């Protein structure tokens, strides 16, 4: 019966780790996009002349930074699970190799 209780504890830890990763991914997508859109709207109101160039730039930069942050977060978590270090040879966005 002791193994069953340890197995349950391990399964619960795995579920909590997965839920934590899902929450982190959601925040790493939402925050940069939302903050940069708000910054773009504010800059358009302050310096804009009827065009929404700052908003457009905020959307593009926000999407890129959300994509990059999410990629790095996922890569870090999967490398940690596989037991691989930083020298795993994998590349991604912004690493200079694709």
C-alpha atoms as a PDB file:
ATOM      1  CA  UNK A   1       0.000   0.000   0.000  1.00  0.00           C
ATOM      2  CA  UNK A   2       2.952   2.292   0.566  1.00  0.00           C
ATOM      3  CA  UNK A   3       3.907   2.148  -3.127  1.00  0.00           C
ATOM      4  CA  UNK A   4       0.386   3.186  -4.079  1.00  0.00           C
ATOM      5  CA  UNK A   5       0.561   6.252  -1.888  1.00  0.00           C
ATOM      6  CA  UNK A   6       4.003   7.186  -3.274  1.00  0.00           C
ATOM      7  CA  UNK A   7       2.715   6.639  -6.807  1.00  0.00           C
ATOM      8  CA  UNK A   8      -0.253   8.938  -6.112  1.00  0.00           C
ATOM      9  CA  UNK A   9       2.064  11.601  -4.737  1.00  0.00           C
ATOM     10  CA  UNK A  10       4.264  11.350  -7.826  1.00  0.00           C
ATOM     11  CA  UNK A  11       1.250  11.518 -10.127  1.00  0.00           C
ATOM     12  CA  UNK A  12      -0.108  14.562  -8.260  1.00  0.00           C
ATOM     13  CA  UNK A  13       3.268  16.300  -8.518  1.00  0.00           C
ATOM     14  CA  UNK A  14       3.313  15.587 -12.250  1.00  0.00           C
ATOM     15  CA  UNK A  15      -0.183  17.013 -12.691  1.00  0.00           C
ATOM     16  CA  UNK A  16       0.700  20.138 -10.691  1.00  0.00           C
ATOM     17  CA  UNK A  17       3.881  20.596 -12.738  1.00  0.00           C
ATOM     18  CA  UNK A  18       1.859  20.366 -15.967  1.00  0.00           C
ATOM     19  CA  UNK A  19      -0.742  22.856 -14.704  1.00  0.00           C
ATOM     20  CA  UNK A  20       2.033  25.214 -13.661  1.00  0.00           C
ATOM     21  CA  UNK A  21       3.570  25.025 -17.133  1.00  0.00           C
ATOM     22  CA  UNK A  22       0.185  25.739 -18.728  1.00  0.00           C
ATOM     23  CA  UNK A  23      -0.284  28.807 -16.513  1.00  0.00           C
ATOM     24  CA  UNK A  24       3.241  30.031 -17.290  1.00  0.00           C
ATOM     25  CA  UNK A  25       2.668  29.623 -21.027  1.00  0.00           C
ATOM     26  CA  UNK A  26      -0.614  31.527 -20.799  1.00  0.00           C
ATOM     27  CA  UNK A  27       1.017  34.403 -18.949  1.00  0.00           C
ATOM     28  CA  UNK A  28       4.042  34.457 -21.247  1.00  0.00           C
ATOM     29  CA  UNK A  29       1.693  34.885 -24.208  1.00  0.00           C
ATOM     30  CA  UNK A  30      -0.801  37.289 -22.648  1.00  0.00           C
ATOM     31  CA  UNK A  31       1.468  39.750 -20.849  1.00  0.00           C
ATOM     32  CA  UNK A  32       3.807  40.932 -23.628  1.00  0.00           C
ATOM     33  CA  UNK A  33       1.023  41.228 -26.197  1.00  0.00           C
ATOM     34  CA  UNK A  34      -1.315  43.086 -23.856  1.00  0.00           C
ATOM     35  CA  UNK A  35       1.343  45.418 -22.467  1.00  0.00           C
ATOM     36  CA  UNK A  36       2.746  46.312 -25.884  1.00  0.00           C
ATOM     37  CA  UNK A  37      -0.738  46.888 -27.325  1.00  0.00           C
ATOM     38  CA  UNK A  38      -1.516  49.241 -24.448  1.00  0.00           C
ATOM     39  CA  UNK A  39       1.816  50.999 -24.969  1.00  0.00           C
ATOM     40  CA  UNK A  40       1.043  51.336 -28.692  1.00  0.00           C
ATOM     41  CA  UNK A  41      -2.392  52.812 -28.000  1.00  0.00           C
ATOM     42  CA  UNK A  42      -0.893  55.269 -25.511  1.00  0.00           C
ATOM     43  CA  UNK A  43       1.861  56.300 -27.927  1.00  0.00           C
ATOM     44  CA  UNK A  44      -0.684  56.732 -30.752  1.00  0.00           C
ATOM     45  CA  UNK A  45      -2.731  58.985 -28.495  1.00  0.00           C
ATOM     46  CA  UNK A  46       0.322  61.002 -27.539  1.00  0.00           C
ATOM     47  CA  UNK A  47       2.183  61.250 -30.865  1.00  0.00           C
ATOM     48  CA  UNK A  48      -0.161  59.812 -33.487  1.00  0.00           C
ATOM     49  CA  UNK A  49      -1.737  61.782 -36.302  1.00  0.00           C
ATOM     50  CA  UNK A  50      -4.760  59.601 -36.933  1.00  0.00           C
ATOM     51  CA  UNK A  51      -2.784  56.547 -37.970  1.00  0.00           C
ATOM     52  CA  UNK A  52      -2.212  53.620 -35.678  1.00  0.00           C
ATOM     53  CA  UNK A  53       1.445  52.862 -36.417  1.00  0.00           C
ATOM     54  CA  UNK A  54       2.471  52.498 -32.784  1.00  0.00           C
ATOM     55  CA  UNK A  55      -0.414  50.098 -32.163  1.00  0.00           C
ATOM     56  CA  UNK A  56       0.599  48.035 -35.188  1.00  0.00           C
ATOM     57  CA  UNK A  57       4.226  47.985 -34.032  1.00  0.00           C
ATOM     58  CA  UNK A  58       3.113  47.025 -30.507  1.00  0.00           C
ATOM     59  CA  UNK A  59       1.079  44.123 -31.860  1.00  0.00           C
ATOM     60  CA  UNK A  60       3.956  42.814 -33.978  1.00  0.00           C
ATOM     61  CA  UNK A  61       6.592  43.188 -31.264  1.00  0.00           C
ATOM     62  CA  UNK A  62       4.201  41.720 -28.678  1.00  0.00           C
ATOM     63  CA  UNK A  63       3.489  38.660 -30.817  1.00  0.00           C
ATOM     64  CA  UNK A  64       7.185  38.104 -31.475  1.00  0.00           C
ATOM     65  CA  UNK A  65       8.164  38.483 -27.824  1.00  0.00           C
ATOM     66  CA  UNK A  66       5.305  36.191 -26.730  1.00  0.00           C
ATOM     67  CA  UNK A  67       6.404  33.566 -29.258  1.00  0.00           C
ATOM     68  CA  UNK A  68      10.033  33.808 -28.197  1.00  0.00           C
ATOM     69  CA  UNK A  69       9.256  33.740 -24.480  1.00  0.00           C
ATOM     70  CA  UNK A  70       6.977  30.740 -24.894  1.00  0.00           C
ATOM     71  CA  UNK A  71       9.571  28.921 -27.008  1.00  0.00           C
ATOM     72  CA  UNK A  72      12.279  29.477 -24.401  1.00  0.00           C
ATOM     73  CA  UNK A  73       9.981  28.418 -21.552  1.00  0.00           C
ATOM     74  CA  UNK A  74       8.938  25.200 -23.264  1.00  0.00           C
ATOM     75  CA  UNK A  75      12.478  24.400 -24.384  1.00  0.00           C
ATOM     76  CA  UNK A  76      13.821  24.944 -20.860  1.00  0.00           C
ATOM     77  CA  UNK A  77      11.167  22.651 -19.355  1.00  0.00           C
ATOM     78  CA  UNK A  78      11.685  19.859 -21.863  1.00  0.00           C
ATOM     79  CA  UNK A  79      15.474  20.029 -21.592  1.00  0.00           C
ATOM     80  CA  UNK A  80      15.144  19.829 -17.799  1.00  0.00           C
ATOM     81  CA  UNK A  81      12.894  16.744 -18.106  1.00  0.00           C
ATOM     82  CA  UNK A  82      15.276  15.034 -20.543  1.00  0.00           C
ATOM     83  CA  UNK A  83      18.236  15.753 -18.277  1.00  0.00           C
ATOM     84  CA  UNK A  84      20.027  17.661 -21.027  1.00  0.00           C
ATOM     85  CA  UNK A  85      22.011  20.772 -20.332  1.00  0.00           C
ATOM     86  CA  UNK A  86      22.277  24.039 -22.207  1.00  0.00           C
ATOM     87  CA  UNK A  87      24.621  22.423 -24.753  1.00  0.00           C
ATOM     88  CA  UNK A  88      21.845  20.277 -26.173  1.00  0.00           C
ATOM     89  CA  UNK A  89      22.437  21.620 -29.669  1.00  0.00           C
ATOM     90  CA  UNK A  90      18.848  22.717 -30.136  1.00  0.00           C
ATOM     91  CA  UNK A  91      18.165  26.111 -31.605  1.00  0.00           C
ATOM     92  CA  UNK A  92      15.084  28.252 -31.800  1.00  0.00           C
ATOM     93  CA  UNK A  93      13.862  31.751 -32.494  1.00  0.00           C
ATOM     94  CA  UNK A  94      16.409  34.401 -31.751  1.00  0.00           C
ATOM     95  CA  UNK A  95      19.256  31.919 -31.287  1.00  0.00           C
ATOM     96  CA  UNK A  96      20.859  33.034 -34.550  1.00  0.00           C
ATOM     97  CA  UNK A  97      20.347  29.667 -36.191  1.00  0.00           C
ATOM     98  CA  UNK A  98      16.666  29.661 -36.818  1.00  0.00           C
END
